[in-house]
Amino acid sequence: MILGVMNILRNLIIITLLIITNAKAEFKTITKKEFIDRNIKALEKRFDLVDINKDGKIDAKENEAYKQRIINAKKEQAKRRTELAKKIDTNKDGKLSKEEIENFKKKQNTKK
């Protein structure tokens, strides 16, 4: 149980770092304290997502529910990608050519 919670926290820290890194287009030098403060806030938000009953603790059920939400979200994202690829693949050969992608982009731009 404790190892599971530690794994969650480790994963949350990694996710937080990736989000922060990707969210900033340009890098600015920050102090260790600034880095920790930013990551602690983000980690607290993530912890709150997992702590369903808001008791300040993550139990095995909450951990499993969080993992399932992540799995479901990834499945949904993969499903949307597949559907999009099918729309783009106009000749239905199961492959996306540069031409098909460019045509799709043009079509999307004319809709705006």
Protein backbone atom coordinates (compact mmCIF):
# COMPACT_ATOMS: atom_id res chain seq x y z
CA MET A 1 0.00 0.00 0.00
CA ILE A 2 2.71 2.49 0.99
CA LEU A 3 4.76 1.50 -2.04
CA GLY A 4 1.70 2.09 -4.22
CA VAL A 5 1.24 5.57 -2.78
CA MET A 6 4.93 6.28 -3.24
CA ASN A 7 4.67 5.19 -6.87
CA ILE A 8 1.68 7.48 -7.34
CA LEU A 9 3.55 10.41 -5.84
CA ARG A 10 6.61 9.67 -7.97
CA ASN A 11 4.47 9.50 -11.08
CA LEU A 12 2.67 12.69 -10.12
CA ILE A 13 5.98 14.49 -9.71
CA ILE A 14 7.14 13.26 -13.12
CA ILE A 15 3.85 14.28 -14.74
CA THR A 16 4.03 17.66 -13.04
CA LEU A 17 7.56 18.26 -14.26
CA LEU A 18 6.58 17.31 -17.80
CA ILE A 19 3.55 19.59 -17.72
CA ILE A 20 5.55 22.50 -16.38
CA THR A 21 8.33 21.90 -18.89
CA ASN A 22 5.93 21.70 -21.82
CA ALA A 23 3.81 24.64 -20.66
CA LYS A 24 6.73 27.06 -20.79
CA ALA A 25 7.75 27.98 -24.31
CA GLU A 26 10.90 29.69 -23.13
CA PHE A 27 13.14 28.68 -20.26
CA LYS A 28 13.76 31.11 -17.45
CA THR A 29 16.32 30.51 -14.74
CA ILE A 30 14.63 29.86 -11.42
CA THR A 31 15.87 29.20 -7.93
CA LYS A 32 15.55 25.87 -6.17
CA LYS A 33 12.87 27.36 -3.89
CA GLU A 34 10.86 28.65 -6.89
CA PHE A 35 11.12 25.25 -8.53
CA ILE A 36 9.95 23.46 -5.38
CA ASP A 37 7.13 25.95 -4.76
CA ARG A 38 5.79 25.57 -8.30
CA ASN A 39 5.99 21.81 -8.20
CA ILE A 40 4.47 21.51 -4.74
CA LYS A 41 1.40 23.47 -5.87
CA ALA A 42 1.01 21.29 -8.94
CA LEU A 43 1.57 18.13 -6.90
CA GLU A 44 -1.08 19.21 -4.38
CA LYS A 45 -3.57 19.63 -7.22
CA ARG A 46 -2.72 16.16 -8.52
CA PHE A 47 -3.01 14.70 -5.01
CA ASP A 48 -6.48 16.24 -4.73
CA LEU A 49 -7.48 14.52 -7.97
CA VAL A 50 -6.55 11.14 -6.50
CA ASP A 51 -7.93 11.79 -2.98
CA ILE A 52 -11.58 11.23 -3.94
CA ASN A 53 -13.03 11.33 -0.41
CA LYS A 54 -10.89 14.35 0.52
CA ASP A 55 -9.59 12.83 3.76
CA GLY A 56 -6.02 13.89 3.02
CA LYS A 57 -4.93 10.30 2.35
CA ILE A 58 -4.76 8.11 -0.71
CA ASP A 59 -5.98 4.58 -0.11
CA ALA A 60 -5.85 1.56 -2.41
CA LYS A 61 -9.39 2.16 -3.77
CA GLU A 62 -8.61 5.77 -4.64
CA ASN A 63 -5.33 4.73 -6.21
CA GLU A 64 -7.07 2.10 -8.33
CA ALA A 65 -9.85 4.52 -9.33
CA TYR A 66 -7.26 7.10 -10.39
CA LYS A 67 -5.33 4.53 -12.43
CA GLN A 68 -8.59 3.46 -14.09
CA ARG A 69 -9.45 7.08 -14.97
CA ILE A 70 -6.02 7.47 -16.57
CA ILE A 71 -6.40 4.20 -18.50
CA ASN A 72 -9.88 5.20 -19.70
CA ALA A 73 -8.64 8.64 -20.76
CA LYS A 74 -5.77 7.07 -22.73
CA LYS A 75 -8.18 4.64 -24.42
CA GLU A 76 -10.51 7.49 -25.35
CA GLN A 77 -7.60 9.51 -26.71
CA ALA A 78 -6.42 6.55 -28.81
CA LYS A 79 -9.97 6.07 -30.12
CA ARG A 80 -10.15 9.74 -31.17
CA ARG A 81 -6.76 9.49 -32.90
CA THR A 82 -7.91 6.42 -34.82
CA GLU A 83 -11.13 8.16 -35.87
CA LEU A 84 -9.17 11.20 -37.00
CA ALA A 85 -6.73 9.06 -38.97
CA LYS A 86 -9.67 7.38 -40.72
CA LYS A 87 -11.04 10.80 -41.71
CA ILE A 88 -7.67 11.88 -43.08
CA ASP A 89 -7.05 8.60 -44.96
CA THR A 90 -9.21 9.48 -47.97
CA ASN A 91 -8.04 6.57 -50.16
CA LYS A 92 -8.65 4.09 -47.30
CA ASP A 93 -5.30 2.33 -47.66
CA GLY A 94 -4.66 2.41 -43.91
CA LYS A 95 -1.77 4.83 -44.34
CA LEU A 96 -1.56 8.61 -44.11
CA SER A 97 0.32 10.35 -46.89
CA LYS A 98 1.67 13.88 -46.73
CA GLU A 99 -0.84 14.81 -49.41
CA GLU A 100 -3.78 13.48 -47.37
CA ILE A 101 -2.58 15.37 -44.30
CA GLU A 102 -2.12 18.60 -46.27
CA ASN A 103 -5.57 18.24 -47.86
CA PHE A 104 -7.11 17.68 -44.45
CA LYS A 105 -5.36 20.77 -43.07
CA LYS A 106 -6.60 22.86 -45.99
CA LYS A 107 -10.14 21.58 -45.49
CA GLN A 108 -9.97 22.45 -41.77
CA ASN A 109 -8.65 25.94 -42.50
CA THR A 110 -11.46 26.68 -44.95
CA LYS A 111 -14.05 25.70 -42.31
CA LYS A 112 -12.84 28.44 -39.96
